[in-house]
Amino acid sequence: MATKIRLRRTGTTNQAAYRLVVADTRSPRDGRFIETLGHYTPRLGDDALVVNVERVAYWLGKGAQISAAARPLLKKAKVPLPTPVSRKKRTTASVAPAAPETVAPEAAASPTA
């Protein structure tokens, strides 16, 4: 099962609050989740973010991926994060060109009769 650490929106209209959860990647944003790891309320200022660092480290050890929205919040909470893997494709310039085949001079000069 592929898991992801992401934000789940709670609260009312114009008063958003978020829960940091571990969920299956196939679950909807505000749907089923496995565990709550913390919460974030942007309106509160300094007390806006609460994170259970041990549980985040546990899920990262199990292979959970971090969503783009949750990554800056975990950095703010000073959770040690793995570096993201670059998914750039190799270009043909990075591959060494093949050496051209050379023909021996005496083979080219001999007549073919």
Protein backbone atom coordinates (compact mmCIF):
# COMPACT_ATOMS: atom_id res chain seq x y z
CA MET A 1 0.00 0.00 0.00
CA ALA A 2 1.50 3.35 -1.05
CA THR A 3 1.13 5.94 1.68
CA LYS A 4 1.49 9.69 1.67
CA ILE A 5 1.85 12.31 4.41
CA ARG A 6 -0.51 15.11 3.42
CA LEU A 7 -2.92 17.78 4.67
CA ARG A 8 -6.59 17.16 5.33
CA ARG A 9 -8.77 20.27 5.38
CA THR A 10 -11.10 20.82 8.34
CA GLY A 11 -12.83 23.91 9.70
CA THR A 12 -15.54 26.06 8.21
CA THR A 13 -15.76 28.42 5.27
CA ASN A 14 -13.06 31.11 5.48
CA GLN A 15 -11.68 29.53 8.68
CA ALA A 16 -9.56 26.72 7.37
CA ALA A 17 -7.64 24.35 9.61
CA TYR A 18 -5.65 21.34 8.49
CA ARG A 19 -4.70 17.99 9.93
CA LEU A 20 -1.42 16.37 8.98
CA VAL A 21 -2.35 12.76 8.21
CA VAL A 22 -0.96 9.57 6.71
CA ALA A 23 -3.30 8.29 4.02
CA ASP A 24 -3.37 5.80 1.20
CA THR A 25 -2.61 7.58 -2.07
CA ARG A 26 -5.91 6.36 -3.54
CA SER A 27 -8.01 8.01 -0.78
CA PRO A 28 -9.65 11.39 -1.42
CA ARG A 29 -8.20 14.54 0.18
CA ASP A 30 -10.66 14.71 3.08
CA GLY A 31 -11.50 11.02 3.07
CA ARG A 32 -10.16 7.95 4.77
CA PHE A 33 -6.78 8.17 6.52
CA ILE A 34 -4.54 5.88 8.59
CA GLU A 35 -3.23 8.15 11.35
CA THR A 36 -3.22 11.81 12.40
CA LEU A 37 0.31 13.18 12.87
CA GLY A 38 -0.50 16.76 13.86
CA HIS A 39 -2.52 19.82 13.00
CA TYR A 40 -2.02 23.26 11.43
CA THR A 41 -4.20 26.33 11.92
CA PRO A 42 -2.82 29.22 9.83
CA ARG A 43 -4.86 31.88 11.70
CA LEU A 44 -3.12 31.27 15.06
CA GLY A 45 0.34 32.59 14.18
CA ASP A 46 3.13 31.04 16.31
CA ASP A 47 1.01 28.24 17.80
CA ALA A 48 -0.31 27.26 14.39
CA LEU A 49 1.67 24.03 13.92
CA VAL A 50 1.78 20.93 16.13
CA VAL A 51 3.56 17.80 14.82
CA ASN A 52 4.32 14.42 16.39
CA VAL A 53 7.92 14.13 15.17
CA GLU A 54 8.43 10.50 16.27
CA ARG A 55 5.43 9.28 14.28
CA VAL A 56 6.49 11.27 11.19
CA ALA A 57 9.94 9.65 11.40
CA TYR A 58 8.27 6.23 11.78
CA TRP A 59 6.14 6.69 8.64
CA LEU A 60 9.06 8.06 6.64
CA GLY A 61 10.99 4.95 7.65
CA LYS A 62 8.12 2.84 6.34
CA GLY A 63 8.39 4.55 2.93
CA ALA A 64 5.65 7.18 3.11
CA GLN A 65 6.03 10.06 0.65
CA ILE A 66 5.49 13.70 1.60
CA SER A 67 3.08 15.87 -0.39
CA ALA A 68 4.17 19.23 -1.76
CA ALA A 69 1.91 21.11 0.68
CA ALA A 70 3.09 19.19 3.76
CA ARG A 71 6.85 19.43 3.05
CA PRO A 72 7.28 23.13 4.04
CA LEU A 73 5.27 22.58 7.22
CA LEU A 74 7.47 19.64 8.24
CA LYS A 75 10.57 21.74 7.53
CA LYS A 76 9.15 24.48 9.77
CA ALA A 77 8.65 21.87 12.51
CA LYS A 78 12.33 20.89 12.04
CA VAL A 79 11.57 17.29 11.07
CA PRO A 80 14.59 15.69 9.34
CA LEU A 81 13.37 15.01 5.80
CA PRO A 82 14.85 12.81 3.09
CA THR A 83 15.99 14.65 -0.01
CA PRO A 84 13.50 14.34 -2.88
CA VAL A 85 14.56 12.16 -5.81
CA SER A 86 15.06 14.01 -9.07
CA ARG A 87 12.98 12.56 -11.88
CA LYS A 88 14.78 14.25 -14.78
CA LYS A 89 15.33 12.09 -17.83
CA ARG A 90 18.78 11.58 -19.25
CA THR A 91 19.58 13.61 -22.29
CA THR A 92 21.48 12.24 -25.26
CA ALA A 93 24.31 14.72 -24.60
CA SER A 94 25.18 12.93 -21.35
CA VAL A 95 25.76 9.65 -23.20
CA ALA A 96 29.20 9.33 -24.86
CA PRO A 97 28.98 9.17 -28.66
CA ALA A 98 29.98 5.90 -30.29
CA ALA A 99 33.35 5.81 -32.05
CA PRO A 100 33.05 5.69 -35.85
CA GLU A 101 34.18 2.49 -37.51
CA THR A 102 37.42 2.80 -39.44
CA VAL A 103 38.34 0.77 -42.52
CA ALA A 104 41.92 -0.47 -42.89
CA PRO A 105 43.72 1.40 -45.75
CA GLU A 106 44.91 -1.78 -47.55
CA ALA A 107 41.38 -3.23 -47.55
CA ALA A 108 40.04 -0.12 -49.22
CA ALA A 109 42.86 0.01 -51.84
CA SER A 110 42.69 -3.65 -52.97
CA PRO A 111 40.65 -4.30 -56.13
CA THR A 112 37.59 -6.48 -55.88
CA ALA A 113 37.52 -8.69 -58.93
